[in-house]
C-alpha cells in the first residue's frame, strides 16, 4: 500500500490562511514558525495517522476522525485507506463545533 495523500478541505485551508495572516500582523517570523511546525506535523501524518487522539468533538467517531493542537491551532482530520483529509482548523479559544 502506498503513502496516504494529504487533502485539505477548502474551508480548512482558508481558515488556516486567515489565522496565519492574523499572526503576520504581529510577527512575520512567528507566522513562518507556525506554518513550518504545523506542516511538519501534517507531512508526517502518512507515516502514523493514528498518532493523535480521536477527535472528541466528532459525534459517533469510529476513531478515523483525529485532531491535534499546535501553537493554539487545532487541526481535525479524517483517515481513509488512501488519504488523510484535513477537515477543520480553528484557534483553540474559538468555541468548538460538534460535527
N, C-alpha and C. Protein backbone atom coordinates (compact mmCIF):
# COMPACT_ATOMS: atom_id res chain seq x y z
N UNK A 1 0.85 -1.19 0.00
CA UNK A 1 0.00 0.00 0.00
C UNK A 1 0.89 1.25 0.00
N UNK A 2 0.57 2.20 -0.85
CA UNK A 2 1.35 3.43 -0.95
C UNK A 2 1.03 4.40 0.18
N UNK A 3 1.76 5.49 0.18
CA UNK A 3 1.57 6.51 1.21
C UNK A 3 0.24 7.24 1.01
N UNK A 4 -0.40 7.54 2.11
CA UNK A 4 -1.67 8.27 2.06
C UNK A 4 -1.43 9.71 1.60
N UNK A 5 -2.31 10.19 0.75
CA UNK A 5 -2.24 11.57 0.26
C UNK A 5 -2.92 12.50 1.26
N UNK A 6 -2.35 13.67 1.45
CA UNK A 6 -2.95 14.71 2.30
C UNK A 6 -3.84 15.58 1.42
N UNK A 7 -5.09 15.73 1.81
CA UNK A 7 -6.03 16.58 1.08
C UNK A 7 -6.63 17.58 2.07
N UNK A 8 -6.58 18.84 1.71
CA UNK A 8 -7.16 19.89 2.55
C UNK A 8 -8.57 20.23 2.06
N UNK A 9 -9.52 20.26 2.98
CA UNK A 9 -10.83 20.84 2.67
C UNK A 9 -10.61 22.33 2.38
N UNK A 10 -11.33 22.87 1.43
CA UNK A 10 -11.15 24.29 1.05
C UNK A 10 -11.39 25.20 2.25
N UNK A 11 -12.44 24.93 3.01
CA UNK A 11 -12.75 25.78 4.17
C UNK A 11 -11.63 25.71 5.22
N UNK A 12 -11.08 24.52 5.43
CA UNK A 12 -9.99 24.37 6.39
C UNK A 12 -8.76 25.15 5.94
N UNK A 13 -8.42 25.05 4.66
CA UNK A 13 -7.27 25.77 4.12
C UNK A 13 -7.47 27.28 4.26
N UNK A 14 -8.66 27.76 3.93
CA UNK A 14 -8.95 29.19 4.04
C UNK A 14 -8.86 29.67 5.49
N UNK A 15 -9.37 28.88 6.41
CA UNK A 15 -9.29 29.25 7.82
C UNK A 15 -7.84 29.30 8.28
N UNK A 16 -7.05 28.31 7.87
CA UNK A 16 -5.63 28.30 8.23
C UNK A 16 -4.94 29.55 7.70
N UNK A 17 -5.20 29.89 6.45
CA UNK A 17 -4.58 31.08 5.86
C UNK A 17 -4.99 32.35 6.59
N UNK A 18 -6.24 32.45 7.01
CA UNK A 18 -6.69 33.62 7.78
C UNK A 18 -5.97 33.70 9.13
N UNK A 19 -5.82 32.57 9.79
CA UNK A 19 -5.10 32.57 11.07
C UNK A 19 -3.64 33.01 10.88
N UNK A 20 -3.01 32.52 9.83
CA UNK A 20 -1.62 32.91 9.55
C UNK A 20 -1.53 34.40 9.23
N UNK A 21 -2.47 34.91 8.45
CA UNK A 21 -2.48 36.35 8.14
C UNK A 21 -2.62 37.17 9.41
N UNK A 22 -3.42 36.70 10.34
CA UNK A 22 -3.60 37.41 11.61
C UNK A 22 -2.30 37.41 12.42
N UNK A 23 -1.61 36.28 12.44
CA UNK A 23 -0.33 36.20 13.16
C UNK A 23 0.71 37.11 12.51
N UNK A 24 0.70 37.17 11.18
CA UNK A 24 1.67 38.00 10.45
C UNK A 24 1.55 39.48 10.82
N UNK A 25 0.36 39.92 11.21
CA UNK A 25 0.18 41.33 11.59
C UNK A 25 1.09 41.69 12.76
N UNK A 26 1.32 40.73 13.65
CA UNK A 26 2.19 40.97 14.81
C UNK A 26 3.64 40.59 14.54
N UNK A 27 3.82 39.47 13.81
CA UNK A 27 5.19 38.99 13.59
C UNK A 27 5.24 38.04 12.40
N UNK A 28 5.92 38.49 11.38
CA UNK A 28 6.09 37.65 10.19
C UNK A 28 6.83 36.37 10.56
N UNK A 29 7.87 36.49 11.38
CA UNK A 29 8.67 35.32 11.76
C UNK A 29 7.84 34.32 12.56
N UNK A 30 6.99 34.80 13.44
CA UNK A 30 6.12 33.89 14.20
C UNK A 30 5.19 33.13 13.27
N UNK A 31 4.65 33.83 12.30
CA UNK A 31 3.76 33.18 11.33
C UNK A 31 4.52 32.10 10.56
N UNK A 32 5.74 32.39 10.15
CA UNK A 32 6.55 31.41 9.44
C UNK A 32 6.84 30.19 10.31
N UNK A 33 7.10 30.42 11.60
CA UNK A 33 7.35 29.31 12.52
C UNK A 33 6.11 28.43 12.69
N UNK A 34 4.95 29.06 12.78
CA UNK A 34 3.69 28.31 12.91
C UNK A 34 3.47 27.46 11.67
N UNK A 35 3.65 28.05 10.50
CA UNK A 35 3.49 27.30 9.25
C UNK A 35 4.43 26.11 9.22
N UNK A 36 5.68 26.35 9.51
CA UNK A 36 6.69 25.29 9.47
C UNK A 36 6.35 24.15 10.44
N UNK A 37 6.00 24.50 11.67
CA UNK A 37 5.71 23.49 12.68
C UNK A 37 4.45 22.67 12.35
N UNK A 38 3.41 23.34 11.91
CA UNK A 38 2.17 22.63 11.60
C UNK A 38 2.33 21.77 10.35
N UNK A 39 3.00 22.28 9.34
CA UNK A 39 3.19 21.46 8.13
C UNK A 39 4.12 20.28 8.38
N UNK A 40 5.05 20.41 9.31
CA UNK A 40 5.89 19.26 9.66
C UNK A 40 5.01 18.15 10.24
N UNK A 41 4.11 18.51 11.12
CA UNK A 41 3.21 17.51 11.71
C UNK A 41 2.33 16.88 10.62
N UNK A 42 1.73 17.73 9.78
CA UNK A 42 0.85 17.23 8.73
C UNK A 42 1.61 16.35 7.73
N UNK A 43 2.80 16.78 7.36
CA UNK A 43 3.60 15.99 6.41
C UNK A 43 4.00 14.63 6.98
N UNK A 44 4.10 14.54 8.32
CA UNK A 44 4.45 13.28 8.97
C UNK A 44 3.24 12.37 9.20
N UNK A 45 2.03 12.88 9.04
CA UNK A 45 0.83 12.08 9.31
C UNK A 45 0.75 10.78 8.51
N UNK A 46 1.11 10.76 7.23
CA UNK A 46 1.01 9.49 6.49
C UNK A 46 1.82 8.35 7.12
N UNK A 47 2.90 8.67 7.81
CA UNK A 47 3.72 7.63 8.46
C UNK A 47 3.02 7.02 9.67
N UNK A 48 2.18 7.79 10.34
CA UNK A 48 1.48 7.31 11.53
C UNK A 48 0.21 8.14 11.73
N UNK A 49 -0.83 7.93 10.92
CA UNK A 49 -2.03 8.78 11.00
C UNK A 49 -2.79 8.65 12.32
N UNK A 50 -2.59 7.54 13.03
CA UNK A 50 -3.29 7.34 14.31
C UNK A 50 -2.50 7.89 15.49
N UNK A 51 -1.46 8.65 15.20
CA UNK A 51 -0.58 9.20 16.23
C UNK A 51 -1.34 10.04 17.26
N UNK A 52 -2.32 10.79 16.79
CA UNK A 52 -3.06 11.69 17.68
C UNK A 52 -4.37 11.06 18.11
N UNK A 53 -4.91 11.57 19.21
CA UNK A 53 -6.15 11.02 19.78
C UNK A 53 -7.34 11.24 18.85
N UNK A 54 -8.35 10.40 19.05
CA UNK A 54 -9.61 10.56 18.33
C UNK A 54 -10.18 11.94 18.67
N UNK A 55 -10.83 12.56 17.69
CA UNK A 55 -11.39 13.91 17.87
C UNK A 55 -12.58 13.85 18.82
N UNK A 56 -12.44 14.47 19.98
CA UNK A 56 -13.50 14.42 21.00
C UNK A 56 -14.73 15.23 20.61
N UNK A 57 -14.63 16.08 19.59
CA UNK A 57 -15.78 16.87 19.16
C UNK A 57 -16.55 16.21 18.03
N UNK A 58 -16.09 15.07 17.54
CA UNK A 58 -16.79 14.35 16.48
C UNK A 58 -17.76 13.36 17.12
N UNK A 59 -19.04 13.50 16.82
CA UNK A 59 -20.02 12.56 17.34
C UNK A 59 -19.93 11.26 16.54
N UNK A 60 -20.19 10.16 17.21
CA UNK A 60 -20.14 8.83 16.59
C UNK A 60 -18.82 8.61 15.84
N UNK A 61 -17.73 8.92 16.52
CA UNK A 61 -16.40 8.79 15.93
C UNK A 61 -15.93 7.34 16.06
N UNK A 62 -15.64 6.72 14.95
CA UNK A 62 -15.14 5.34 14.95
C UNK A 62 -13.62 5.29 15.10
N UNK A 63 -13.00 6.44 15.34
CA UNK A 63 -11.55 6.51 15.51
C UNK A 63 -10.82 7.02 14.28
N UNK A 64 -11.53 7.17 13.17
CA UNK A 64 -10.91 7.70 11.96
C UNK A 64 -10.87 9.22 11.92
N UNK A 65 -11.59 9.86 12.82
CA UNK A 65 -11.53 11.32 12.95
C UNK A 65 -10.57 11.61 14.10
N UNK A 66 -9.49 12.33 13.81
CA UNK A 66 -8.44 12.62 14.78
C UNK A 66 -8.19 14.12 14.82
N UNK A 67 -7.47 14.59 15.83
CA UNK A 67 -7.16 16.01 15.93
C UNK A 67 -5.87 16.21 16.73
N UNK A 68 -5.20 17.33 16.45
CA UNK A 68 -4.03 17.73 17.22
C UNK A 68 -4.04 19.25 17.37
N UNK A 69 -3.27 19.71 18.35
CA UNK A 69 -3.13 21.15 18.60
C UNK A 69 -1.66 21.53 18.59
N UNK A 70 -1.39 22.66 17.97
CA UNK A 70 -0.02 23.21 17.94
C UNK A 70 -0.14 24.71 17.79
N UNK A 71 0.58 25.46 18.61
CA UNK A 71 0.56 26.93 18.58
C UNK A 71 -0.86 27.46 18.71
N UNK A 72 -1.65 26.85 19.57
CA UNK A 72 -3.04 27.26 19.83
C UNK A 72 -3.95 27.11 18.61
N UNK A 73 -3.54 26.30 17.66
CA UNK A 73 -4.37 26.00 16.50
C UNK A 73 -4.72 24.52 16.56
N UNK A 74 -6.01 24.25 16.40
CA UNK A 74 -6.49 22.85 16.43
C UNK A 74 -6.82 22.41 15.01
N UNK A 75 -6.25 21.27 14.62
CA UNK A 75 -6.45 20.71 13.28
C UNK A 75 -7.16 19.37 13.45
N UNK A 76 -8.32 19.22 12.79
CA UNK A 76 -9.04 17.95 12.79
C UNK A 76 -8.91 17.32 11.41
N UNK A 77 -8.71 16.00 11.40
CA UNK A 77 -8.53 15.31 10.13
C UNK A 77 -9.23 13.96 10.13
N UNK A 78 -9.44 13.41 8.94
CA UNK A 78 -10.13 12.14 8.75
C UNK A 78 -9.23 11.20 7.97
N UNK A 79 -9.13 9.96 8.44
CA UNK A 79 -8.25 8.97 7.83
C UNK A 79 -9.07 7.98 7.00
N UNK A 80 -8.67 7.76 5.75
CA UNK A 80 -9.25 6.70 4.93
C UNK A 80 -8.12 5.77 4.48
N UNK A 81 -8.45 4.77 3.70
CA UNK A 81 -7.43 3.84 3.19
C UNK A 81 -6.40 4.55 2.31
N UNK A 82 -6.83 5.59 1.57
CA UNK A 82 -5.95 6.21 0.58
C UNK A 82 -5.51 7.63 0.90
N UNK A 83 -6.20 8.30 1.81
CA UNK A 83 -5.83 9.69 2.08
C UNK A 83 -6.14 10.12 3.51
N UNK A 84 -5.61 11.29 3.83
CA UNK A 84 -5.89 11.97 5.10
C UNK A 84 -6.47 13.33 4.71
N UNK A 85 -7.70 13.58 5.12
CA UNK A 85 -8.36 14.83 4.76
C UNK A 85 -8.34 15.77 5.96
N UNK A 86 -7.75 16.95 5.76
CA UNK A 86 -7.76 18.00 6.79
C UNK A 86 -9.15 18.63 6.73
N UNK A 87 -9.92 18.48 7.80
CA UNK A 87 -11.32 18.89 7.80
C UNK A 87 -11.57 20.26 8.41
N UNK A 88 -10.96 20.51 9.56
CA UNK A 88 -11.27 21.73 10.29
C UNK A 88 -10.00 22.33 10.88
N UNK A 89 -9.97 23.65 10.90
CA UNK A 89 -8.87 24.39 11.52
C UNK A 89 -9.52 25.50 12.34
N UNK A 90 -9.08 25.65 13.58
CA UNK A 90 -9.60 26.74 14.39
C UNK A 90 -8.61 27.09 15.50
N UNK A 91 -8.71 28.31 15.98
CA UNK A 91 -7.94 28.71 17.14
C UNK A 91 -8.58 28.04 18.35
N UNK A 92 -7.79 27.58 19.30
CA UNK A 92 -8.35 26.80 20.40
C UNK A 92 -9.27 27.63 21.30
N UNK A 93 -9.19 28.95 21.24
CA UNK A 93 -10.08 29.77 22.05
C UNK A 93 -11.46 29.94 21.40
N UNK A 94 -11.59 29.53 20.13
CA UNK A 94 -12.90 29.57 19.48
C UNK A 94 -13.75 28.46 20.05
N UNK A 95 -15.05 28.69 20.07
CA UNK A 95 -15.99 27.68 20.52
C UNK A 95 -15.96 26.50 19.55
N UNK A 96 -15.73 25.28 20.08
CA UNK A 96 -15.70 24.13 19.17
C UNK A 96 -17.09 23.80 18.64
N UNK A 97 -17.12 23.22 17.45
CA UNK A 97 -18.37 22.79 16.84
C UNK A 97 -18.41 21.27 16.85
N UNK A 98 -19.54 20.72 17.29
CA UNK A 98 -19.74 19.28 17.14
C UNK A 98 -20.03 19.03 15.68
N UNK A 99 -19.56 17.93 15.16
CA UNK A 99 -19.87 17.57 13.78
C UNK A 99 -20.00 16.08 13.65
